[in-house]
Amino acid sequence: MTRASIRLRSAAALSVIVTLIWLGTALVTARLLTSELNEVFDSALQETGQRILQLAVVDVLEREEEGVTRHVMALDDHDEHFTYVVRDDQGRILLTSHRADPVHFPAFAETGFHESDDLRFYHETAVQGTIALTIAEPLSHRREVAREMAFSLALPLVVMIPLSILGIFYGLGYGLRPLGQLRGQLARRGVNDLSPLPATEMATELRPIAETLNQLLHRLETAFAAERSFTANAAHEFRTPLAGALAQVQRLRQTSTDPDSARRAGEIEATLKRLTRLSERLMQLARAEGARLLVDAPQDLRPVLKIVAGDFSQGPDAGRVALSLPEGPVPSDIDPDAVAIIVRNLIENALRHGQGAVAVTLDRTGTLCVENDCPPIPSDELAALSGRFVRGKKAGEGSGLGLAIVHTIAERIGTPLRLTSPLPGKPTGFSACISLHGTTPFQKDRTQ
């Protein structure tokens, strides 16, 4: 089952938590403000009632007739949030506001606050309980104020919550950026690069991981070095006994008078020669995997190619290698021994598995191409030829390591090995091309 990314899961969880915190905070704040507002409204209701009661007492005491109801008229049309009724001790209404309906004002026995479904009352008496005032405020007014207050609190959340979520996603992306850097550094590590990670430059939380990975890389490097050392040492140790055995067999074949013994000695000689070539290839492979392949001072590639190509000017392959070099020097900081290994293996591969002449070409940019004529190679088989101990289906004798050695060196110097079959514009042929310029920039053509 595919798991969501840590960033997405963390951002989603933090977004939900922050949203709930915002909403919870707004709800608690709204409740607290509503409670405070009710206290403010009650205080205003009480103070207003007490002031009106004082004026009502003066008005009632100055009257000549008792029990007469008076209505306070409004000076202009306005919303009246407070309405009141003044009664005497006999329950007669003495004074009312212009919108007060006595039906909605019950006679309370006790002073203080009272409440009905729609009104909030304050009841107060004066003159030893002979004059009582009941003032009312609509609860709808308070609910309207509470709604406006809640809307004022919720409106910023419509902006703040999305901004908080965006900030969480960006903050997590920025905070987890060192993980991406660690992943990129690990992706660049491989068989040819097991250098330790820069743990001291990483975030504190990643240092233990980097140090653990460095220990693993060190163990891998030690294992690979031991393997390469064993291969090189074994191949080197094989050379002396193989050379001695080959010399003895050649002498036996030359001095033998029995045709059958001479034939068997020839077969043994051929086998020993194959073992000798295999040991040489193993030593080259060990060098390709472990030795330093770059030098400090760039050197011209042409003398190396001339020396290697000259080794094939004698023997059964004399005249088959056609070398084409540019007139000017071709500098490269690749080790000349590594270049010689590349050229020798490509030429031997072309001579062994090809027909006719072998064209060896080096251009001014340092690209080496070795071409030979042979039946076309299928694309799936062509892609596997650079593997170790892999030979073509129609190949003759060979160790299957020549192209693998070249491919290993190409990977370590950071250049591809391009295998092509058939040759461009031809139905047959095979071509192997590799860039040998190294890290030295090309010199531009002075005529441009």
Protein backbone atom coordinates (compact mmCIF):
# COMPACT_ATOMS: atom_id res chain seq x y z
CA MET A 1 0.00 0.00 0.00
CA THR A 2 1.38 3.39 -1.01
CA ARG A 3 1.95 5.74 1.91
CA ALA A 4 1.50 9.48 1.64
CA SER A 5 4.59 11.60 2.00
CA ILE A 6 5.71 12.75 5.43
CA ARG A 7 5.27 16.35 4.35
CA LEU A 8 1.68 15.81 3.18
CA ARG A 9 0.66 13.79 6.23
CA SER A 10 2.28 16.23 8.66
CA ALA A 11 0.84 19.24 6.86
CA ALA A 12 -2.65 17.72 6.83
CA ALA A 13 -2.47 16.84 10.54
CA LEU A 14 -1.11 20.26 11.50
CA SER A 15 -3.71 21.99 9.32
CA VAL A 16 -6.54 20.14 11.06
CA ILE A 17 -5.05 20.87 14.49
CA VAL A 18 -4.52 24.56 13.72
CA THR A 19 -8.03 24.85 12.27
CA LEU A 20 -9.56 23.25 15.37
CA ILE A 21 -7.47 25.50 17.61
CA TRP A 22 -8.60 28.60 15.70
CA LEU A 23 -12.25 27.54 15.81
CA GLY A 24 -12.06 26.51 19.47
CA THR A 25 -10.35 29.77 20.39
CA ALA A 26 -12.98 31.76 18.50
CA LEU A 27 -15.80 29.83 20.18
CA VAL A 28 -14.36 30.29 23.68
CA THR A 29 -13.69 33.97 22.95
CA ALA A 30 -17.24 34.42 21.69
CA ARG A 31 -18.66 32.82 24.84
CA LEU A 32 -16.48 34.95 27.10
CA LEU A 33 -17.36 38.12 25.23
CA THR A 34 -21.06 37.21 25.31
CA SER A 35 -20.85 36.76 29.07
CA GLU A 36 -19.05 40.08 29.46
CA LEU A 37 -21.55 41.81 27.17
CA ASN A 38 -24.45 40.44 29.20
CA GLU A 39 -22.88 41.90 32.31
CA VAL A 40 -22.44 45.24 30.54
CA PHE A 41 -26.05 45.17 29.30
CA ASP A 42 -27.32 44.24 32.76
CA SER A 43 -25.32 47.07 34.30
CA ALA A 44 -26.69 49.53 31.75
CA LEU A 45 -30.21 48.19 32.30
CA GLN A 46 -29.90 48.58 36.09
CA GLU A 47 -28.37 52.05 35.93
CA THR A 48 -30.95 53.28 33.45
CA GLY A 49 -33.77 51.88 35.56
CA GLN A 50 -32.48 53.53 38.72
CA ARG A 51 -32.19 56.92 37.00
CA ILE A 52 -35.69 56.63 35.53
CA LEU A 53 -37.05 55.57 38.92
CA GLN A 54 -35.65 58.73 40.52
CA LEU A 55 -37.35 60.91 37.91
CA ALA A 56 -40.56 58.90 38.22
CA VAL A 57 -40.65 59.36 41.99
CA VAL A 58 -40.40 63.15 41.60
CA ASP A 59 -43.08 63.11 38.92
CA VAL A 60 -45.49 60.96 41.00
CA LEU A 61 -45.03 62.90 44.21
CA GLU A 62 -45.69 66.22 42.47
CA ARG A 63 -49.02 65.07 41.03
CA GLU A 64 -52.29 66.38 42.44
CA GLU A 65 -54.29 63.32 41.41
CA GLU A 66 -53.37 59.77 42.33
CA GLY A 67 -53.57 56.70 40.07
CA VAL A 68 -53.35 58.64 36.77
CA THR A 69 -51.34 56.94 34.01
CA ARG A 70 -48.94 59.06 32.03
CA HIS A 71 -47.13 58.09 28.79
CA VAL A 72 -43.71 59.53 28.01
CA MET A 73 -43.81 60.71 24.41
CA ALA A 74 -40.81 60.31 22.09
CA LEU A 75 -39.23 63.42 20.65
CA ASP A 76 -38.46 61.63 17.35
CA ASP A 77 -38.75 58.21 15.79
CA HIS A 78 -35.95 55.91 16.98
CA ASP A 79 -35.27 52.36 18.08
CA GLU A 80 -36.13 51.95 21.72
CA HIS A 81 -34.03 49.26 23.38
CA PHE A 82 -35.36 50.04 26.86
CA THR A 83 -39.05 50.20 27.82
CA TYR A 84 -40.37 50.66 31.31
CA VAL A 85 -43.47 50.74 33.45
CA VAL A 86 -43.95 52.50 36.84
CA ARG A 87 -46.60 51.17 39.27
CA ASP A 88 -47.79 52.05 42.76
CA ASP A 89 -48.22 49.63 45.63
CA GLN A 90 -51.79 48.94 44.49
CA GLY A 91 -50.65 47.81 41.02
CA ARG A 92 -51.88 50.91 39.21
CA ILE A 93 -49.72 52.04 36.30
CA LEU A 94 -48.45 55.51 36.89
CA LEU A 95 -45.92 56.00 34.08
CA THR A 96 -44.89 54.14 30.89
CA SER A 97 -42.51 54.71 28.01
CA HIS A 98 -44.13 55.45 24.68
CA ARG A 99 -43.73 51.86 23.36
CA ALA A 100 -44.19 49.93 26.58
CA ASP A 101 -47.05 47.41 26.65
CA PRO A 102 -48.12 46.79 30.27
CA VAL A 103 -49.33 43.35 29.32
CA HIS A 104 -45.71 42.23 28.83
CA PHE A 105 -44.63 43.66 32.22
CA PRO A 106 -45.60 41.32 35.03
CA ALA A 107 -45.67 42.60 38.63
CA PHE A 108 -42.60 41.10 40.29
CA ALA A 109 -42.57 40.55 44.01
CA GLU A 110 -38.81 40.79 44.36
CA THR A 111 -36.38 43.41 43.13
CA GLY A 112 -33.51 42.53 40.78
CA PHE A 113 -33.21 40.88 37.38
CA HIS A 114 -35.86 38.68 35.85
CA GLU A 115 -36.21 37.14 32.42
CA SER A 116 -38.91 35.88 30.11
CA ASP A 117 -38.69 34.31 26.67
CA ASP A 118 -38.20 37.61 24.87
CA LEU A 119 -37.33 40.23 27.52
CA ARG A 120 -34.76 40.87 30.21
CA PHE A 121 -36.27 42.81 33.18
CA TYR A 122 -34.93 44.84 36.06
CA HIS A 123 -37.33 45.54 38.93
CA GLU A 124 -36.66 48.25 41.55
CA THR A 125 -38.81 49.96 44.24
CA ALA A 126 -38.66 53.31 46.03
CA VAL A 127 -40.47 55.29 48.72
CA GLN A 128 -40.73 52.27 50.99
CA GLY A 129 -42.07 50.08 48.24
CA THR A 130 -44.95 52.37 47.23
CA ILE A 131 -43.48 53.08 43.79
CA ALA A 132 -42.03 50.25 41.66
CA LEU A 133 -40.28 50.45 38.28
CA THR A 134 -39.88 47.58 35.86
CA ILE A 135 -37.58 48.23 32.92
CA ALA A 136 -37.14 45.74 30.05
CA GLU A 137 -34.66 45.14 27.26
CA PRO A 138 -35.43 42.84 24.28
CA LEU A 139 -33.24 39.71 24.28
CA SER A 140 -33.26 39.90 20.49
CA HIS A 141 -31.10 43.00 20.80
CA ARG A 142 -28.53 41.11 22.81
CA ARG A 143 -28.61 38.14 20.42
CA GLU A 144 -28.11 40.49 17.48
CA VAL A 145 -25.07 42.03 19.15
CA ALA A 146 -23.75 38.52 19.92
CA ARG A 147 -24.20 37.47 16.29
CA GLU A 148 -22.37 40.56 15.03
CA MET A 149 -19.58 39.90 17.49
CA ALA A 150 -19.34 36.24 16.40
CA PHE A 151 -19.31 37.28 12.76
CA SER A 152 -16.54 39.77 13.51
CA LEU A 153 -14.53 36.97 15.10
CA ALA A 154 -15.24 34.47 12.32
CA LEU A 155 -14.52 36.81 9.42
CA PRO A 156 -10.73 36.96 10.08
CA LEU A 157 -10.67 33.16 10.35
CA VAL A 158 -11.84 32.88 6.73
CA VAL A 159 -8.52 34.50 5.78
CA MET A 160 -6.30 33.31 8.60
CA ILE A 161 -7.06 29.57 8.37
CA PRO A 162 -6.12 29.25 4.64
CA LEU A 163 -3.04 31.41 5.25
CA SER A 164 -2.10 29.19 8.19
CA ILE A 165 -2.47 26.06 6.06
CA LEU A 166 -0.33 27.57 3.30
CA GLY A 167 2.23 28.59 5.89
CA ILE A 168 2.28 25.06 7.31
CA PHE A 169 2.87 23.52 3.87
CA TYR A 170 5.61 26.00 3.05
CA GLY A 171 7.20 25.72 6.49
CA LEU A 172 7.27 21.93 6.34
CA GLY A 173 8.69 22.04 2.83
CA TYR A 174 11.40 24.43 3.97
CA GLY A 175 12.06 22.45 7.13
CA LEU A 176 12.27 19.12 5.31
CA ARG A 177 14.54 20.49 2.59
CA PRO A 178 17.63 18.93 4.24
CA LEU A 179 15.99 15.52 3.71
CA GLY A 180 15.84 16.21 -0.02
CA GLN A 181 19.48 17.25 0.04
CA LEU A 182 20.37 14.04 1.87
CA ARG A 183 18.43 12.03 -0.69
CA GLY A 184 20.27 13.79 -3.54
CA GLN A 185 23.66 13.08 -1.96
CA LEU A 186 22.74 9.43 -1.48
CA ALA A 187 21.51 9.21 -5.08
CA ARG A 188 24.97 10.32 -6.27
CA ARG A 189 26.63 7.54 -4.32
CA GLY A 190 27.29 4.23 -6.05
CA VAL A 191 29.82 1.50 -6.57
CA ASN A 192 32.29 4.03 -7.94
CA ASP A 193 31.62 6.70 -5.30
CA LEU A 194 31.29 5.58 -1.69
CA SER A 195 32.67 8.75 -0.17
CA PRO A 196 31.20 9.70 3.24
CA LEU A 197 28.34 12.16 3.56
CA PRO A 198 29.13 15.62 5.03
CA ALA A 199 27.45 14.87 8.37
CA THR A 200 28.84 17.96 10.14
CA GLU A 201 27.10 20.23 7.60
CA MET A 202 23.68 18.63 8.08
CA ALA A 203 20.86 19.46 10.45
CA THR A 204 21.12 18.13 13.99
CA GLU A 205 18.30 15.61 13.46
CA LEU A 206 19.96 14.19 10.34
CA ARG A 207 23.48 13.81 11.73
CA PRO A 208 22.83 10.40 13.38
CA ILE A 209 21.33 9.12 10.11
CA ALA A 210 24.26 10.47 8.08
CA GLU A 211 26.79 8.99 10.49
CA THR A 212 25.06 5.60 10.33
CA LEU A 213 25.04 5.76 6.54
CA ASN A 214 28.71 6.73 6.54
CA GLN A 215 29.48 3.64 8.59
CA LEU A 216 27.56 1.55 6.06
CA LEU A 217 29.38 3.20 3.14
CA HIS A 218 32.70 2.56 4.87
CA ARG A 219 31.87 -1.12 5.30
CA LEU A 220 30.83 -1.34 1.65
CA GLU A 221 34.00 0.42 0.52
CA THR A 222 36.07 -1.97 2.64
CA ALA A 223 34.24 -4.98 1.18
CA PHE A 224 34.64 -3.73 -2.39
CA ALA A 225 38.30 -2.88 -1.81
CA ALA A 226 38.90 -6.36 -0.42
CA GLU A 227 37.18 -7.88 -3.43
CA ARG A 228 39.23 -5.79 -5.88
CA SER A 229 42.41 -6.53 -3.98
CA PHE A 230 41.70 -10.24 -4.04
CA THR A 231 40.96 -10.14 -7.77
CA ALA A 232 44.12 -8.19 -8.55
CA ASN A 233 46.32 -10.28 -6.28
CA ALA A 234 44.88 -13.53 -7.57
CA ALA A 235 45.38 -12.45 -11.17
CA HIS A 236 48.92 -11.31 -10.41
CA GLU A 237 49.79 -14.54 -8.61
CA PHE A 238 48.44 -16.54 -11.53
CA ARG A 239 50.78 -14.86 -14.02
CA THR A 240 54.04 -16.46 -12.85
CA PRO A 241 52.84 -20.08 -12.66
CA LEU A 242 50.87 -19.63 -15.89
CA ALA A 243 53.94 -18.27 -17.65
CA GLY A 244 56.04 -21.14 -16.34
CA ALA A 245 53.45 -23.75 -17.31
CA LEU A 246 53.07 -22.17 -20.74
CA ALA A 247 56.83 -22.26 -21.33
CA GLN A 248 57.01 -25.92 -20.30
CA VAL A 249 54.11 -26.87 -22.58
CA GLN A 250 55.60 -24.99 -25.52
CA ARG A 251 58.92 -26.79 -24.97
CA LEU A 252 57.14 -30.10 -24.67
CA ARG A 253 55.24 -29.49 -27.89
CA GLN A 254 58.42 -28.57 -29.75
CA THR A 255 60.44 -31.55 -28.49
CA SER A 256 57.74 -34.16 -28.70
CA THR A 257 58.02 -36.71 -31.48
CA ASP A 258 54.62 -38.22 -30.86
CA PRO A 259 51.96 -36.41 -32.97
CA ASP A 260 49.24 -37.15 -30.42
CA SER A 261 51.31 -35.72 -27.56
CA ALA A 262 52.16 -32.65 -29.64
CA ARG A 263 48.44 -32.12 -30.36
CA ARG A 264 47.54 -32.37 -26.71
CA ALA A 265 50.36 -30.00 -25.78
CA GLY A 266 49.00 -27.51 -28.32
CA GLU A 267 45.54 -27.71 -26.72
CA ILE A 268 47.04 -27.16 -23.27
CA GLU A 269 49.03 -24.22 -24.64
CA ALA A 270 45.86 -22.62 -26.03
CA THR A 271 44.09 -23.11 -22.70
CA LEU A 272 46.97 -21.56 -20.78
CA LYS A 273 47.00 -18.59 -23.14
CA ARG A 274 43.27 -18.04 -22.48
CA LEU A 275 43.94 -18.20 -18.75
CA THR A 276 46.76 -15.69 -19.16
CA ARG A 277 44.51 -13.30 -21.07
CA LEU A 278 41.78 -13.74 -18.45
CA SER A 279 44.19 -12.92 -15.61
CA GLU A 280 45.28 -9.79 -17.49
CA ARG A 281 41.63 -8.75 -17.92
CA LEU A 282 40.97 -9.30 -14.24
CA MET A 283 43.91 -7.10 -13.32
CA GLN A 284 42.65 -4.41 -15.70
CA LEU A 285 39.15 -4.66 -14.20
CA ALA A 286 40.55 -4.29 -10.68
CA ARG A 287 42.49 -1.22 -11.81
CA ALA A 288 39.41 0.22 -13.52
CA GLU A 289 37.40 -0.15 -10.32
CA GLY A 290 39.92 1.02 -7.74
CA ALA A 291 42.79 3.03 -9.21
CA ARG A 292 42.96 6.77 -9.71
CA LEU A 293 41.88 7.55 -13.26
CA LEU A 294 42.65 11.28 -13.45
CA VAL A 295 46.00 13.08 -13.41
CA ASP A 296 46.82 16.63 -12.44
CA ALA A 297 48.43 17.73 -15.73
CA PRO A 298 46.58 17.08 -19.04
CA GLN A 299 48.53 15.09 -21.60
CA ASP A 300 48.17 14.52 -25.33
CA LEU A 301 46.19 11.38 -26.21
CA ARG A 302 47.77 10.79 -29.60
CA PRO A 303 51.06 9.16 -28.43
CA VAL A 304 49.12 6.65 -26.31
CA LEU A 305 46.95 5.64 -29.28
CA LYS A 306 50.01 5.30 -31.52
CA ILE A 307 51.77 3.00 -29.05
CA VAL A 308 48.72 0.78 -28.51
CA ALA A 309 47.88 0.60 -32.22
CA GLY A 310 51.54 -0.17 -32.99
CA ASP A 311 51.34 -3.31 -30.79
CA PHE A 312 48.93 -4.77 -33.35
CA SER A 313 51.17 -4.05 -36.36
CA GLN A 314 52.81 -7.44 -36.00
CA GLY A 315 51.39 -10.92 -35.70
CA PRO A 316 48.26 -12.38 -37.30
CA ASP A 317 46.39 -9.03 -37.09
CA ALA A 318 49.09 -6.99 -38.83
CA GLY A 319 47.63 -4.39 -41.19
CA ARG A 320 44.07 -4.64 -39.87
CA VAL A 321 44.18 -1.57 -37.58
CA ALA A 322 43.72 1.78 -39.36
CA LEU A 323 44.50 4.67 -37.01
CA SER A 324 43.22 8.21 -37.73
CA LEU A 325 44.40 11.06 -35.51
CA PRO A 326 43.95 14.85 -35.68
CA GLU A 327 46.91 17.03 -36.56
CA GLY A 328 46.90 19.07 -33.35
CA PRO A 329 47.29 17.76 -29.79
CA VAL A 330 44.24 16.41 -27.96
CA PRO A 331 44.79 17.12 -24.23
CA SER A 332 43.10 15.02 -21.55
CA ASP A 333 43.52 14.59 -17.80
CA ILE A 334 42.62 10.89 -17.90
CA ASP A 335 45.49 8.66 -16.79
CA PRO A 336 47.42 7.41 -19.87
CA ASP A 337 47.39 3.85 -18.50
CA ALA A 338 43.57 3.98 -18.30
CA VAL A 339 43.43 5.35 -21.85
CA ALA A 340 45.69 2.52 -23.02
CA ILE A 341 43.43 -0.06 -21.33
CA ILE A 342 40.37 1.44 -23.07
CA VAL A 343 41.98 1.55 -26.51
CA ARG A 344 43.52 -1.94 -26.24
CA ASN A 345 40.27 -3.57 -25.16
CA LEU A 346 38.22 -1.86 -27.85
CA ILE A 347 40.70 -2.82 -30.58
CA GLU A 348 41.02 -6.42 -29.36
CA ASN A 349 37.23 -6.70 -29.19
CA ALA A 350 36.91 -5.41 -32.75
CA LEU A 351 39.67 -7.70 -34.09
CA ARG A 352 38.32 -10.80 -32.33
CA HIS A 353 34.66 -10.38 -33.20
CA GLY A 354 34.87 -8.40 -36.46
CA GLN A 355 35.91 -8.93 -40.03
CA GLY A 356 38.39 -7.02 -42.16
CA ALA A 357 39.96 -3.74 -41.12
CA VAL A 358 39.32 -1.98 -37.82
CA ALA A 359 39.00 1.82 -37.96
CA VAL A 360 40.32 3.66 -34.89
CA THR A 361 39.43 7.38 -34.98
CA LEU A 362 40.17 10.18 -32.50
CA ASP A 363 38.71 13.62 -33.21
CA ARG A 364 39.76 17.01 -31.86
CA THR A 365 37.21 16.88 -29.01
CA GLY A 366 38.75 13.69 -27.62
CA THR A 367 36.04 11.28 -28.80
CA LEU A 368 37.42 7.84 -29.64
CA CYS A 369 35.52 5.53 -32.01
CA VAL A 370 36.50 1.99 -32.93
CA GLU A 371 34.55 0.48 -35.85
CA ASN A 372 34.62 -2.95 -37.44
CA ASP A 373 32.56 -4.92 -39.92
CA CYS A 374 30.37 -7.73 -38.55
CA PRO A 375 26.79 -9.00 -38.82
CA PRO A 376 24.28 -6.62 -37.19
CA ILE A 377 23.72 -7.15 -33.47
CA PRO A 378 20.13 -7.01 -32.11
CA SER A 379 19.38 -4.07 -29.83
CA ASP A 380 18.61 -6.21 -26.76
CA GLU A 381 21.89 -8.12 -27.15
CA LEU A 382 23.76 -4.87 -27.85
CA ALA A 383 22.57 -3.33 -24.57
CA ALA A 384 23.93 -6.30 -22.58
CA LEU A 385 27.39 -6.44 -24.18
CA SER A 386 28.96 -4.11 -21.60
CA GLY A 387 28.13 -6.54 -18.77
CA ARG A 388 30.78 -8.72 -17.19
CA PHE A 389 31.46 -12.08 -18.81
CA VAL A 390 28.88 -11.29 -21.51
CA ARG A 391 29.68 -12.24 -25.10
CA GLY A 392 27.69 -12.09 -28.27
CA LYS A 393 25.82 -15.19 -29.34
CA LYS A 394 28.03 -15.61 -32.39
CA ALA A 395 31.24 -14.55 -30.66
CA GLY A 396 34.29 -16.76 -30.73
CA GLU A 397 36.89 -16.97 -28.02
CA GLY A 398 36.98 -14.20 -25.45
CA SER A 399 36.69 -13.51 -21.74
CA GLY A 400 33.63 -11.31 -21.96
CA LEU A 401 35.41 -8.61 -19.94
CA GLY A 402 36.76 -6.22 -22.59
CA LEU A 403 33.69 -3.99 -22.96
CA ALA A 404 32.91 -4.40 -19.24
CA ILE A 405 36.32 -2.92 -18.37
CA VAL A 406 35.78 -0.01 -20.76
CA HIS A 407 32.26 0.54 -19.39
CA THR A 408 33.59 0.60 -15.81
CA ILE A 409 36.21 3.21 -16.65
CA ALA A 410 33.61 5.24 -18.57
CA GLU A 411 31.33 5.32 -15.54
CA ARG A 412 34.13 6.43 -13.24
CA ILE A 413 35.25 9.29 -15.50
CA GLY A 414 31.63 10.33 -16.08
CA THR A 415 31.28 9.66 -19.78
CA PRO A 416 29.00 7.21 -21.63
CA LEU A 417 30.12 4.25 -23.72
CA ARG A 418 28.01 4.29 -26.90
CA LEU A 419 27.62 0.99 -28.73
CA THR A 420 26.05 1.05 -32.19
CA SER A 421 25.12 -1.71 -34.61
CA PRO A 422 24.78 -1.64 -37.54
CA LEU A 423 26.93 1.31 -38.58
CA PRO A 424 25.05 4.42 -39.73
CA GLY A 425 24.13 4.10 -43.39
CA LYS A 426 25.22 0.43 -43.55
CA PRO A 427 23.42 -2.88 -43.02
CA THR A 428 26.31 -4.34 -40.98
CA GLY A 429 29.07 -3.26 -38.63
CA PHE A 430 29.69 -2.40 -34.99
CA SER A 431 30.92 0.83 -33.39
CA ALA A 432 32.08 1.66 -29.86
CA CYS A 433 32.58 5.35 -29.01
CA ILE A 434 33.76 7.01 -25.79
CA SER A 435 34.80 10.55 -24.92
CA LEU A 436 38.32 10.80 -23.53
CA HIS A 437 38.55 14.55 -22.99
CA GLY A 438 38.19 14.10 -19.22
CA THR A 439 37.51 17.25 -17.23
CA THR A 440 39.69 19.47 -19.43
CA PRO A 441 37.54 21.92 -21.41
CA PHE A 442 37.79 21.73 -25.17
CA GLN A 443 39.88 24.35 -26.90
CA LYS A 444 37.76 26.34 -29.28
CA ASP A 445 38.73 26.53 -32.91
CA ARG A 446 40.91 29.60 -33.30
CA THR A 447 39.53 30.19 -36.78
CA GLN A 448 36.02 30.87 -35.42
